[in-house]
PDB file of N, CA and C in Angstrom:
ATOM      1  N   MET A   1      -0.045  80.210 -21.862  1.00  0.00           N
ATOM      2  CA  MET A   1      -0.309  78.840 -22.161  1.00  0.00           C
ATOM      3  C   MET A   1      -1.238  78.277 -21.089  1.00  0.00           C
ATOM      4  N   LEU A   2      -2.305  77.690 -21.533  1.00  0.00           N
ATOM      5  CA  LEU A   2      -3.322  77.192 -20.621  1.00  0.00           C
ATOM      6  C   LEU A   2      -3.465  75.686 -20.827  1.00  0.00           C
ATOM      7  N   ILE A   3      -3.381  74.947 -19.730  1.00  0.00           N
ATOM      8  CA  ILE A   3      -3.524  73.479 -19.806  1.00  0.00           C
ATOM      9  C   ILE A   3      -4.955  73.149 -19.398  1.00  0.00           C
ATOM     10  N   ILE A   4      -5.584  72.405 -20.222  1.00  0.00           N
ATOM     11  CA  ILE A   4      -6.969  72.026 -19.950  1.00  0.00           C
ATOM     12  C   ILE A   4      -6.953  70.699 -19.196  1.00  0.00           C
ATOM     13  N   THR A   5      -7.564  70.719 -18.026  1.00  0.00           N
ATOM     14  CA  THR A   5      -7.579  69.515 -17.190  1.00  0.00           C
ATOM     15  C   THR A   5      -8.952  68.876 -17.131  1.00  0.00           C
ATOM     16  N   GLU A   6      -9.882  69.416 -17.806  1.00  0.00           N
ATOM     17  CA  GLU A   6     -11.206  68.827 -17.793  1.00  0.00           C
ATOM     18  C   GLU A   6     -11.244  67.619 -18.709  1.00  0.00           C
ATOM     19  N   ILE A   7     -11.987  66.624 -18.277  1.00  0.00           N
ATOM     20  CA  ILE A   7     -12.152  65.429 -19.096  1.00  0.00           C
ATOM     21  C   ILE A   7     -13.514  65.532 -19.758  1.00  0.00           C
ATOM     22  N   GLN A   8     -13.473  65.446 -21.030  1.00  0.00           N
ATOM     23  CA  GLN A   8     -14.731  65.542 -21.752  1.00  0.00           C
ATOM     24  C   GLN A   8     -15.491  64.230 -21.595  1.00  0.00           C
ATOM     25  N   LYS A   9     -16.804  64.326 -21.708  1.00  0.00           N
ATOM     26  CA  LYS A   9     -17.636  63.134 -21.586  1.00  0.00           C
ATOM     27  C   LYS A   9     -17.296  62.190 -22.720  1.00  0.00           C
ATOM     28  N   GLY A  10     -17.232  60.901 -22.378  1.00  0.00           N
ATOM     29  CA  GLY A  10     -16.920  59.908 -23.386  1.00  0.00           C
ATOM     30  C   GLY A  10     -15.462  59.514 -23.393  1.00  0.00           C
ATOM     31  N   GLU A  11     -14.605  60.303 -22.783  1.00  0.00           N
ATOM     32  CA  GLU A  11     -13.200  59.946 -22.706  1.00  0.00           C
ATOM     33  C   GLU A  11     -12.970  59.071 -21.483  1.00  0.00           C
ATOM     34  N   ARG A  12     -11.982  58.211 -21.567  1.00  0.00           N
ATOM     35  CA  ARG A  12     -11.633  57.331 -20.450  1.00  0.00           C
ATOM     36  C   ARG A  12     -10.488  57.950 -19.686  1.00  0.00           C
ATOM     37  N   SER A  13     -10.552  57.785 -18.373  1.00  0.00           N
ATOM     38  CA  SER A  13      -9.471  58.325 -17.558  1.00  0.00           C
ATOM     39  C   SER A  13      -8.512  57.189 -17.175  1.00  0.00           C
ATOM     40  N   ILE A  14      -7.285  57.535 -16.934  1.00  0.00           N
ATOM     41  CA  ILE A  14      -6.283  56.547 -16.556  1.00  0.00           C
ATOM     42  C   ILE A  14      -6.615  55.942 -15.200  1.00  0.00           C
ATOM     43  N   SER A  15      -7.092  56.719 -14.258  1.00  0.00           N
ATOM     44  CA  SER A  15      -7.408  56.203 -12.928  1.00  0.00           C
ATOM     45  C   SER A  15      -8.567  55.203 -12.990  1.00  0.00           C
ATOM     46  N   ARG A  16      -9.532  55.459 -13.845  1.00  0.00           N
ATOM     47  CA  ARG A  16     -10.650  54.522 -13.992  1.00  0.00           C
ATOM     48  C   ARG A  16     -10.152  53.219 -14.615  1.00  0.00           C
ATOM     49  N   ASP A  17      -9.289  53.284 -15.592  1.00  0.00           N
ATOM     50  CA  ASP A  17      -8.727  52.089 -16.216  1.00  0.00           C
ATOM     51  C   ASP A  17      -7.884  51.292 -15.224  1.00  0.00           C
ATOM     52  N   LEU A  18      -7.081  52.005 -14.436  1.00  0.00           N
ATOM     53  CA  LEU A  18      -6.260  51.321 -13.439  1.00  0.00           C
ATOM     54  C   LEU A  18      -7.117  50.645 -12.377  1.00  0.00           C
ATOM     55  N   ALA A  19      -8.178  51.293 -11.962  1.00  0.00           N
ATOM     56  CA  ALA A  19      -9.079  50.711 -10.968  1.00  0.00           C
ATOM     57  C   ALA A  19      -9.751  49.460 -11.522  1.00  0.00           C
ATOM     58  N   ALA A  20     -10.177  49.514 -12.774  1.00  0.00           N
ATOM     59  CA  ALA A  20     -10.804  48.347 -13.397  1.00  0.00           C
ATOM     60  C   ALA A  20      -9.807  47.198 -13.522  1.00  0.00           C
ATOM     61  N   CYS A  21      -8.585  47.506 -13.900  1.00  0.00           N
ATOM     62  CA  CYS A  21      -7.547  46.469 -14.001  1.00  0.00           C
ATOM     63  C   CYS A  21      -7.239  45.873 -12.633  1.00  0.00           C
ATOM     64  N   LEU A  22      -7.208  46.688 -11.613  1.00  0.00           N
ATOM     65  CA  LEU A  22      -6.939  46.208 -10.261  1.00  0.00           C
ATOM     66  C   LEU A  22      -8.050  45.272  -9.785  1.00  0.00           C
ATOM     67  N   VAL A  23      -9.291  45.647 -10.014  1.00  0.00           N
ATOM     68  CA  VAL A  23     -10.426  44.800  -9.628  1.00  0.00           C
ATOM     69  C   VAL A  23     -10.362  43.472 -10.384  1.00  0.00           C
ATOM     70  N   PHE A  24     -10.075  43.522 -11.666  1.00  0.00           N
ATOM     71  CA  PHE A  24      -9.974  42.311 -12.481  1.00  0.00           C
ATOM     72  C   PHE A  24      -8.829  41.418 -11.988  1.00  0.00           C
ATOM     73  N   ALA A  25      -7.677  42.017 -11.681  1.00  0.00           N
ATOM     74  CA  ALA A  25      -6.532  41.248 -11.194  1.00  0.00           C
ATOM     75  C   ALA A  25      -6.844  40.604  -9.841  1.00  0.00           C
ATOM     76  N   LEU A  26      -7.504  41.321  -8.953  1.00  0.00           N
ATOM     77  CA  LEU A  26      -7.873  40.760  -7.655  1.00  0.00           C
ATOM     78  C   LEU A  26      -8.863  39.603  -7.813  1.00  0.00           C
ATOM     79  N   ALA A  27      -9.796  39.738  -8.734  1.00  0.00           N
ATOM     80  CA  ALA A  27     -10.764  38.658  -8.973  1.00  0.00           C
ATOM     81  C   ALA A  27     -10.042  37.399  -9.467  1.00  0.00           C
ATOM     82  N   ILE A  28      -9.075  37.569 -10.344  1.00  0.00           N
ATOM     83  CA  ILE A  28      -8.318  36.420 -10.850  1.00  0.00           C
ATOM     84  C   ILE A  28      -7.512  35.775  -9.721  1.00  0.00           C
ATOM     85  N   ILE A  29      -6.859  36.584  -8.899  1.00  0.00           N
ATOM     86  CA  ILE A  29      -6.062  36.052  -7.790  1.00  0.00           C
ATOM     87  C   ILE A  29      -6.950  35.307  -6.794  1.00  0.00           C
ATOM     88  N   ILE A  30      -8.091  35.871  -6.462  1.00  0.00           N
ATOM     89  CA  ILE A  30      -9.021  35.213  -5.530  1.00  0.00           C
ATOM     90  C   ILE A  30      -9.509  33.892  -6.123  1.00  0.00           C
ATOM     91  N   GLY A  31      -9.807  33.882  -7.404  1.00  0.00           N
ATOM     92  CA  GLY A  31     -10.233  32.650  -8.062  1.00  0.00           C
ATOM     93  C   GLY A  31      -9.161  31.579  -8.042  1.00  0.00           C
ATOM     94  N   LEU A  32      -7.918  31.964  -8.295  1.00  0.00           N
ATOM     95  CA  LEU A  32      -6.815  31.001  -8.283  1.00  0.00           C
ATOM     96  C   LEU A  32      -6.564  30.439  -6.879  1.00  0.00           C
ATOM     97  N   VAL A  33      -6.607  31.301  -5.877  1.00  0.00           N
ATOM     98  CA  VAL A  33      -6.404  30.840  -4.503  1.00  0.00           C
ATOM     99  C   VAL A  33      -7.530  29.900  -4.082  1.00  0.00           C
ATOM    100  N   THR A  34      -8.746  30.235  -4.441  1.00  0.00           N
ATOM    101  CA  THR A  34      -9.888  29.379  -4.108  1.00  0.00           C
ATOM    102  C   THR A  34      -9.754  28.015  -4.777  1.00  0.00           C
ATOM    103  N   ALA A  35      -9.387  28.003  -6.047  1.00  0.00           N
ATOM    104  CA  ALA A  35      -9.213  26.733  -6.763  1.00  0.00           C
ATOM    105  C   ALA A  35      -8.093  25.903  -6.138  1.00  0.00           C
ATOM    106  N   TYR A  36      -7.003  26.543  -5.763  1.00  0.00           N
ATOM    107  CA  TYR A  36      -5.882  25.837  -5.138  1.00  0.00           C
ATOM    108  C   TYR A  36      -6.310  25.209  -3.812  1.00  0.00           C
ATOM    109  N   GLU A  37      -7.028  25.958  -2.992  1.00  0.00           N
ATOM    110  CA  GLU A  37      -7.506  25.442  -1.705  1.00  0.00           C
ATOM    111  C   GLU A  37      -8.485  24.292  -1.900  1.00  0.00           C
ATOM    112  N   TYR A  38      -9.380  24.410  -2.863  1.00  0.00           N
ATOM    113  CA  TYR A  38     -10.363  23.356  -3.132  1.00  0.00           C
ATOM    114  C   TYR A  38      -9.658  22.069  -3.541  1.00  0.00           C
ATOM    115  N   ILE A  39      -8.703  22.172  -4.442  1.00  0.00           N
ATOM    116  CA  ILE A  39      -7.986  20.979  -4.904  1.00  0.00           C
ATOM    117  C   ILE A  39      -7.203  20.350  -3.756  1.00  0.00           C
ATOM    118  N   GLY A  40      -6.551  21.173  -2.955  1.00  0.00           N
ATOM    119  CA  GLY A  40      -5.790  20.651  -1.819  1.00  0.00           C
ATOM    120  C   GLY A  40      -6.664  19.938  -0.809  1.00  0.00           C
ATOM    121  N   ARG A  41      -7.776  20.542  -0.471  1.00  0.00           N
ATOM    122  CA  ARG A  41      -8.682  19.926   0.510  1.00  0.00           C
ATOM    123  C   ARG A  41      -9.336  18.666  -0.044  1.00  0.00           C
ATOM    124  N   SER A  42      -9.684  18.654  -1.317  1.00  0.00           N
ATOM    125  CA  SER A  42     -10.308  17.459  -1.883  1.00  0.00           C
ATOM    126  C   SER A  42      -9.320  16.294  -1.908  1.00  0.00           C
ATOM    127  N   LYS A  43      -8.055  16.571  -2.186  1.00  0.00           N
ATOM    128  CA  LYS A  43      -7.041  15.507  -2.139  1.00  0.00           C
ATOM    129  C   LYS A  43      -6.867  14.993  -0.718  1.00  0.00           C
ATOM    130  N   MET A  44      -6.881  15.901   0.255  1.00  0.00           N
ATOM    131  CA  MET A  44      -6.724  15.509   1.644  1.00  0.00           C
ATOM    132  C   MET A  44      -7.901  14.630   2.094  1.00  0.00           C
ATOM    133  N   LEU A  45      -9.124  15.031   1.762  1.00  0.00           N
ATOM    134  CA  LEU A  45     -10.299  14.244   2.140  1.00  0.00           C
ATOM    135  C   LEU A  45     -10.317  12.897   1.437  1.00  0.00           C
ATOM    136  N   ARG A  46      -9.918  12.885   0.170  1.00  0.00           N
ATOM    137  CA  ARG A  46      -9.873  11.620  -0.566  1.00  0.00           C
ATOM    138  C   ARG A  46      -8.882  10.672   0.087  1.00  0.00           C
ATOM    139  N   GLN A  47      -7.722  11.170   0.484  1.00  0.00           N
ATOM    140  CA  GLN A  47      -6.721  10.332   1.153  1.00  0.00           C
ATOM    141  C   GLN A  47      -7.256   9.814   2.481  1.00  0.00           C
ATOM    142  N   GLU A  48      -7.975  10.663   3.204  1.00  0.00           N
ATOM    143  CA  GLU A  48      -8.549  10.251   4.486  1.00  0.00           C
ATOM    144  C   GLU A  48      -9.561   9.120   4.288  1.00  0.00           C
ATOM    145  N   TYR A  49     -10.433   9.254   3.283  1.00  0.00           N
ATOM    146  CA  TYR A  49     -11.421   8.202   3.014  1.00  0.00           C
ATOM    147  C   TYR A  49     -10.763   6.920   2.527  1.00  0.00           C
ATOM    148  N   GLU A  50      -9.714   7.031   1.739  1.00  0.00           N
ATOM    149  CA  GLU A  50      -9.008   5.834   1.287  1.00  0.00           C
ATOM    150  C   GLU A  50      -8.327   5.138   2.459  1.00  0.00           C
ATOM    151  N   ASP A  51      -7.782   5.895   3.388  1.00  0.00           N
ATOM    152  CA  ASP A  51      -7.168   5.299   4.579  1.00  0.00           C
ATOM    153  C   ASP A  51      -8.210   4.590   5.436  1.00  0.00           C
ATOM    154  N   LYS A  52      -9.389   5.207   5.586  1.00  0.00           N
ATOM    155  CA  LYS A  52     -10.461   4.561   6.345  1.00  0.00           C
ATOM    156  C   LYS A  52     -10.898   3.270   5.669  1.00  0.00           C
ATOM    157  N   ALA A  53     -11.044   3.303   4.351  1.00  0.00           N
ATOM    158  CA  ALA A  53     -11.459   2.111   3.618  1.00  0.00           C
ATOM    159  C   ALA A  53     -10.413   1.004   3.761  1.00  0.00           C
ATOM    160  N   ASP A  54      -9.147   1.364   3.659  1.00  0.00           N
ATOM    161  CA  ASP A  54      -8.091   0.368   3.832  1.00  0.00           C
ATOM    162  C   ASP A  54      -8.123  -0.231   5.232  1.00  0.00           C
ATOM    163  N   ASN A  55      -8.387   0.602   6.225  1.00  0.00           N
ATOM    164  CA  ASN A  55      -8.467   0.127   7.603  1.00  0.00           C
ATOM    165  C   ASN A  55      -9.633  -0.853   7.773  1.00  0.00           C
ATOM    166  N   TYR A  56     -10.796  -0.521   7.212  1.00  0.00           N
ATOM    167  CA  TYR A  56     -11.951  -1.420   7.314  1.00  0.00           C
ATOM    168  C   TYR A  56     -11.699  -2.730   6.577  1.00  0.00           C
ATOM    169  N   ILE A  57     -11.051  -2.664   5.426  1.00  0.00           N
ATOM    170  CA  ILE A  57     -10.744  -3.885   4.682  1.00  0.00           C
ATOM    171  C   ILE A  57      -9.782  -4.758   5.479  1.00  0.00           C
ATOM    172  N   GLU A  58      -8.798  -4.127   6.108  1.00  0.00           N
ATOM    173  CA  GLU A  58      -7.841  -4.887   6.916  1.00  0.00           C
ATOM    174  C   GLU A  58      -8.536  -5.550   8.101  1.00  0.00           C
ATOM    175  N   GLN A  59      -9.430  -4.822   8.778  1.00  0.00           N
ATOM    176  CA  GLN A  59     -10.167  -5.410   9.905  1.00  0.00           C
ATOM    177  C   GLN A  59     -11.043  -6.557   9.435  1.00  0.00           C
ATOM    178  N   LEU A  60     -11.671  -6.391   8.297  1.00  0.00           N
ATOM    179  CA  LEU A  60     -12.534  -7.438   7.765  1.00  0.00           C
ATOM    180  C   LEU A  60     -11.724  -8.677   7.405  1.00  0.00           C
ATOM    181  N   ALA A  61     -10.568  -8.484   6.789  1.00  0.00           N
ATOM    182  CA  ALA A  61      -9.728  -9.614   6.409  1.00  0.00           C
ATOM    183  C   ALA A  61      -9.216 -10.356   7.649  1.00  0.00           C
ATOM    184  N   LYS A  62      -8.912  -9.626   8.713  1.00  0.00           N
ATOM    185  CA  LYS A  62      -8.440 -10.271   9.930  1.00  0.00           C
ATOM    186  C   LYS A  62      -9.542 -11.068  10.609  1.00  0.00           C
ATOM    187  N   SER A  63     -10.763 -10.558  10.565  1.00  0.00           N
ATOM    188  CA  SER A  63     -11.852 -11.215  11.289  1.00  0.00           C
ATOM    189  C   SER A  63     -12.398 -12.426  10.551  1.00  0.00           C
ATOM    190  N   VAL A  64     -12.228 -12.485   9.259  1.00  0.00           N
ATOM    191  CA  VAL A  64     -12.733 -13.632   8.495  1.00  0.00           C
ATOM    192  C   VAL A  64     -11.540 -14.481   8.050  1.00  0.00           C
ATOM    193  N   THR A  65     -10.957 -15.173   9.008  1.00  0.00           N
ATOM    194  CA  THR A  65      -9.844 -16.049   8.663  1.00  0.00           C
ATOM    195  C   THR A  65     -10.315 -17.469   8.423  1.00  0.00           C
ATOM    196  N   PHE A  66     -11.517 -17.792   8.903  1.00  0.00           N
ATOM    197  CA  PHE A  66     -12.096 -19.113   8.686  1.00  0.00           C
ATOM    198  C   PHE A  66     -13.392 -18.947   7.911  1.00  0.00           C
ATOM    199  N   PRO A  67     -13.724 -19.905   7.070  1.00  0.00           N
ATOM    200  CA  PRO A  67     -15.009 -19.816   6.359  1.00  0.00           C
ATOM    201  C   PRO A  67     -16.173 -19.860   7.352  1.00  0.00           C
ATOM    202  N   ILE A  68     -17.212 -19.135   7.020  1.00  0.00           N
ATOM    203  CA  ILE A  68     -18.377 -19.051   7.911  1.00  0.00           C
ATOM    204  C   ILE A  68     -19.023 -20.420   8.113  1.00  0.00           C
ATOM    205  N   TRP A  69     -18.982 -21.287   7.104  1.00  0.00           N
ATOM    206  CA  TRP A  69     -19.659 -22.576   7.244  1.00  0.00           C
ATOM    207  C   TRP A  69     -18.973 -23.487   8.270  1.00  0.00           C
ATOM    208  N   ASN A  70     -17.776 -23.121   8.744  1.00  0.00           N
ATOM    209  CA  ASN A  70     -17.115 -23.894   9.789  1.00  0.00           C
ATOM    210  C   ASN A  70     -17.572 -23.490  11.192  1.00  0.00           C
ATOM    211  N   PHE A  71     -18.357 -22.421  11.323  1.00  0.00           N
ATOM    212  CA  PHE A  71     -18.792 -21.947  12.634  1.00  0.00           C
ATOM    213  C   PHE A  71     -20.061 -22.660  13.072  1.00  0.00           C
ATOM    214  N   ASP A  72     -20.194 -22.860  14.386  1.00  0.00           N
ATOM    215  CA  ASP A  72     -21.477 -23.300  14.921  1.00  0.00           C
ATOM    216  C   ASP A  72     -22.338 -22.050  15.136  1.00  0.00           C
ATOM    217  N   MET A  73     -23.573 -22.217  15.548  1.00  0.00           N
ATOM    218  CA  MET A  73     -24.497 -21.071  15.654  1.00  0.00           C
ATOM    219  C   MET A  73     -24.008 -20.039  16.672  1.00  0.00           C
ATOM    220  N   GLY A  74     -23.451 -20.477  17.782  1.00  0.00           N
ATOM    221  CA  GLY A  74     -22.963 -19.537  18.791  1.00  0.00           C
ATOM    222  C   GLY A  74     -21.809 -18.698  18.271  1.00  0.00           C
ATOM    223  N   SER A  75     -20.861 -19.357  17.596  1.00  0.00           N
ATOM    224  CA  SER A  75     -19.716 -18.631  17.035  1.00  0.00           C
ATOM    225  C   SER A  75     -20.160 -17.704  15.912  1.00  0.00           C
ATOM    226  N   LEU A  76     -21.103 -18.178  15.098  1.00  0.00           N
ATOM    227  CA  LEU A  76     -21.606 -17.356  13.991  1.00  0.00           C
ATOM    228  C   LEU A  76     -22.263 -16.083  14.522  1.00  0.00           C
ATOM    229  N   LYS A  77     -23.109 -16.217  15.529  1.00  0.00           N
ATOM    230  CA  LYS A  77     -23.768 -15.040  16.100  1.00  0.00           C
ATOM    231  C   LYS A  77     -22.756 -14.099  16.754  1.00  0.00           C
ATOM    232  N   HIS A  78     -21.731 -14.663  17.381  1.00  0.00           N
ATOM    233  CA  HIS A  78     -20.703 -13.834  18.011  1.00  0.00           C
ATOM    234  C   HIS A  78     -19.938 -13.025  16.962  1.00  0.00           C
ATOM    235  N   VAL A  79     -19.528 -13.673  15.866  1.00  0.00           N
ATOM    236  CA  VAL A  79     -18.788 -12.981  14.802  1.00  0.00           C
ATOM    237  C   VAL A  79     -19.681 -11.936  14.133  1.00  0.00           C
ATOM    238  N   CYS A  80     -20.923 -12.288  13.854  1.00  0.00           N
ATOM    239  CA  CYS A  80     -21.835 -11.342  13.204  1.00  0.00           C
ATOM    240  C   CYS A  80     -22.133 -10.151  14.111  1.00  0.00           C
ATOM    241  N   SER A  81     -22.260 -10.394  15.393  1.00  0.00           N
ATOM    242  CA  SER A  81     -22.490  -9.286  16.331  1.00  0.00           C
ATOM    243  C   SER A  81     -21.291  -8.349  16.359  1.00  0.00           C
ATOM    244  N   ALA A  82     -20.096  -8.909  16.210  1.00  0.00           N
ATOM    245  CA  ALA A  82     -18.899  -8.061  16.164  1.00  0.00           C
ATOM    246  C   ALA A  82     -18.912  -7.188  14.906  1.00  0.00           C
ATOM    247  N   TYR A  83     -19.375  -7.749  13.793  1.00  0.00           N
ATOM    248  CA  TYR A  83     -19.471  -6.957  12.565  1.00  0.00           C
ATOM    249  C   TYR A  83     -20.455  -5.804  12.720  1.00  0.00           C
ATOM    250  N   THR A  84     -21.552  -6.057  13.404  1.00  0.00           N
ATOM    251  CA  THR A  84     -22.576  -5.025  13.521  1.00  0.00           C
ATOM    252  C   THR A  84     -22.155  -3.883  14.437  1.00  0.00           C
ATOM    253  N   GLN A  85     -21.080  -4.060  15.200  1.00  0.00           N
ATOM    254  CA  GLN A  85     -20.560  -2.964  16.016  1.00  0.00           C
ATOM    255  C   GLN A  85     -19.928  -1.880  15.147  1.00  0.00           C
ATOM    256  N   ASN A  86     -19.511  -2.246  13.943  1.00  0.00           N
ATOM    257  CA  ASN A  86     -18.919  -1.304  13.002  1.00  0.00           C
ATOM    258  C   ASN A  86     -20.035  -0.434  12.423  1.00  0.00           C
ATOM    259  N   GLU A  87     -19.874   0.873  12.488  1.00  0.00           N
ATOM    260  CA  GLU A  87     -20.914   1.800  12.019  1.00  0.00           C
ATOM    261  C   GLU A  87     -21.156   1.707  10.518  1.00  0.00           C
ATOM    262  N   GLN A  88     -20.198   1.148   9.784  1.00  0.00           N
ATOM    263  CA  GLN A  88     -20.336   1.082   8.330  1.00  0.00           C
ATOM    264  C   GLN A  88     -21.346   0.022   7.895  1.00  0.00           C
ATOM    265  N   PHE A  89     -21.663  -0.930   8.757  1.00  0.00           N
ATOM    266  CA  PHE A  89     -22.633  -1.951   8.422  1.00  0.00           C
ATOM    267  C   PHE A  89     -24.035  -1.451   8.744  1.00  0.00           C
ATOM    268  N   ALA A  90     -24.882  -1.340   7.735  1.00  0.00           N
ATOM    269  CA  ALA A  90     -26.273  -0.957   7.958  1.00  0.00           C
ATOM    270  C   ALA A  90     -27.136  -2.210   8.027  1.00  0.00           C
ATOM    271  N   LYS A  91     -26.758  -3.234   7.254  1.00  0.00           N
ATOM    272  CA  LYS A  91     -27.528  -4.477   7.207  1.00  0.00           C
ATOM    273  C   LYS A  91     -26.571  -5.645   7.098  1.00  0.00           C
ATOM    274  N   LEU A  92     -26.941  -6.736   7.732  1.00  0.00           N
ATOM    275  CA  LEU A  92     -26.181  -7.967   7.622  1.00  0.00           C
ATOM    276  C   LEU A  92     -27.173  -9.112   7.734  1.00  0.00           C
ATOM    277  N   LYS A  93     -27.188  -9.945   6.708  1.00  0.00           N
ATOM    278  CA  LYS A  93     -28.111 -11.070   6.696  1.00  0.00           C
ATOM    279  C   LYS A  93     -27.363 -12.291   6.201  1.00  0.00           C
ATOM    280  N   ILE A  94     -27.429 -13.380   6.968  1.00  0.00           N
ATOM    281  CA  ILE A  94     -26.785 -14.629   6.581  1.00  0.00           C
ATOM    282  C   ILE A  94     -27.868 -15.694   6.483  1.00  0.00           C
ATOM    283  N   VAL A  95     -27.888 -16.332   5.310  1.00  0.00           N
ATOM    284  CA  VAL A  95     -28.896 -17.336   5.006  1.00  0.00           C
ATOM    285  C   VAL A  95     -28.183 -18.628   4.631  1.00  0.00           C
ATOM    286  N   ASP A  96     -28.714 -19.781   5.090  1.00  0.00           N
ATOM    287  CA  ASP A  96     -28.099 -21.047   4.701  1.00  0.00           C
ATOM    288  C   ASP A  96     -28.618 -21.498   3.337  1.00  0.00           C
ATOM    289  N   MET A  97     -28.178 -22.671   2.885  1.00  0.00           N
ATOM    290  CA  MET A  97     -28.543 -23.146   1.546  1.00  0.00           C
ATOM    291  C   MET A  97     -30.034 -23.410   1.405  1.00  0.00           C
ATOM    292  N   ASN A  98     -30.709 -23.683   2.504  1.00  0.00           N
ATOM    293  CA  ASN A  98     -32.143 -23.966   2.462  1.00  0.00           C
ATOM    294  C   ASN A  98     -32.990 -22.700   2.534  1.00  0.00           C
ATOM    295  N   GLY A  99     -32.361 -21.550   2.666  1.00  0.00           N
ATOM    296  CA  GLY A  99     -33.090 -20.292   2.747  1.00  0.00           C
ATOM    297  C   GLY A  99     -33.430 -19.878   4.163  1.00  0.00           C
ATOM    298  N   GLU A 100     -32.979 -20.655   5.142  1.00  0.00           N
ATOM    299  CA  GLU A 100     -33.253 -20.320   6.538  1.00  0.00           C
ATOM    300  C   GLU A 100     -32.312 -19.189   6.973  1.00  0.00           C
ATOM    301  N   VAL A 101     -32.874 -18.174   7.604  1.00  0.00           N
ATOM    302  CA  VAL A 101     -32.094 -17.024   8.056  1.00  0.00           C
ATOM    303  C   VAL A 101     -31.355 -17.405   9.336  1.00  0.00           C
ATOM    304  N   LEU A 102     -30.023 -17.366   9.261  1.00  0.00           N
ATOM    305  CA  LEU A 102     -29.206 -17.692  10.416  1.00  0.00           C
ATOM    306  C   LEU A 102     -28.915 -16.457  11.263  1.00  0.00           C
ATOM    307  N   PHE A 103     -28.763 -15.320  10.603  1.00  0.00           N
ATOM    308  CA  PHE A 103     -28.501 -14.072  11.321  1.00  0.00           C
ATOM    309  C   PHE A 103     -29.043 -12.929  10.485  1.00  0.00           C
ATOM    310  N   ASN A 104     -29.718 -11.991  11.140  1.00  0.00           N
ATOM    311  CA  ASN A 104     -30.268 -10.831  10.438  1.00  0.00           C
ATOM    312  C   ASN A 104     -30.095  -9.605  11.327  1.00  0.00           C
ATOM    313  N   PHE A 105     -29.500  -8.573  10.743  1.00  0.00           N
ATOM    314  CA  PHE A 105     -29.302  -7.322  11.477  1.00  0.00           C
ATOM    315  C   PHE A 105     -29.635  -6.164  10.554  1.00  0.00           C
ATOM    316  N   VAL A 106     -30.450  -5.243  11.055  1.00  0.00           N
ATOM    317  CA  VAL A 106     -30.746  -4.004  10.338  1.00  0.00           C
ATOM    318  C   VAL A 106     -30.560  -2.872  11.336  1.00  0.00           C
ATOM    319  N   ARG A 107     -29.676  -1.940  11.006  1.00  0.00           N
ATOM    320  CA  ARG A 107     -29.426  -0.809  11.898  1.00  0.00           C
ATOM    321  C   ARG A 107     -30.701   0.016  12.026  1.00  0.00           C
ATOM    322  N   PRO A 108     -31.051   0.443  13.223  1.00  0.00           N
ATOM    323  CA  PRO A 108     -32.260   1.255  13.401  1.00  0.00           C
ATOM    324  C   PRO A 108     -32.238   2.485  12.495  1.00  0.00           C
ATOM    325  N   GLY A 109     -33.340   2.703  11.812  1.00  0.00           N
ATOM    326  CA  GLY A 109     -33.461   3.841  10.898  1.00  0.00           C
ATOM    327  C   GLY A 109     -33.306   3.442   9.447  1.00  0.00           C
ATOM    328  N   ASP A 110     -32.825   2.218   9.179  1.00  0.00           N
ATOM    329  CA  ASP A 110     -32.679   1.738   7.796  1.00  0.00           C
ATOM    330  C   ASP A 110     -33.847   0.827   7.467  1.00  0.00           C
ATOM    331  N   LYS A 111     -34.169   0.769   6.162  1.00  0.00           N
ATOM    332  CA  LYS A 111     -35.255  -0.097   5.716  1.00  0.00           C
ATOM    333  C   LYS A 111     -34.736  -1.522   5.546  1.00  0.00           C
ATOM    334  N   ASP A 112     -35.592  -2.495   5.809  1.00  0.00           N
ATOM    335  CA  ASP A 112     -35.225  -3.907   5.623  1.00  0.00           C
ATOM    336  C   ASP A 112     -35.785  -4.379   4.285  1.00  0.00           C
ATOM    337  N   ASP A 113     -35.198  -3.897   3.183  1.00  0.00           N
ATOM    338  CA  ASP A 113     -35.680  -4.279   1.870  1.00  0.00           C
ATOM    339  C   ASP A 113     -34.669  -5.131   1.112  1.00  0.00           C
ATOM    340  N   ASP A 114     -33.821  -5.824   1.871  1.00  0.00           N
ATOM    341  CA  ASP A 114     -32.799  -6.713   1.296  1.00  0.00           C
ATOM    342  C   ASP A 114     -31.955  -5.994   0.302  1.00  0.00           C
TER     343      ASP A 114
END
């Protein structure tokens, strides 16, 4: 009795099928892990930006407790200068009812196109 161990051309081998399945399974696992990490990090960054926005809103609400029209020019310039210390402000322009510019600030590197 003779056992033939040769694989004829065109036949599939079990080891080749197992290797292909293993590669496919690893690709799926890597894809799932990548998607999980992406979703986790995006939620973390979104929460961080929302916390920063809430902090800026809180600071803004605290600093504007009186209407601007109650300030004299010295107080107005002092309050506006404090606002411009915040990196989030690129431009700040305050104009009175007659169109006269009371305060104008443009962060260096930004265009002054209103």
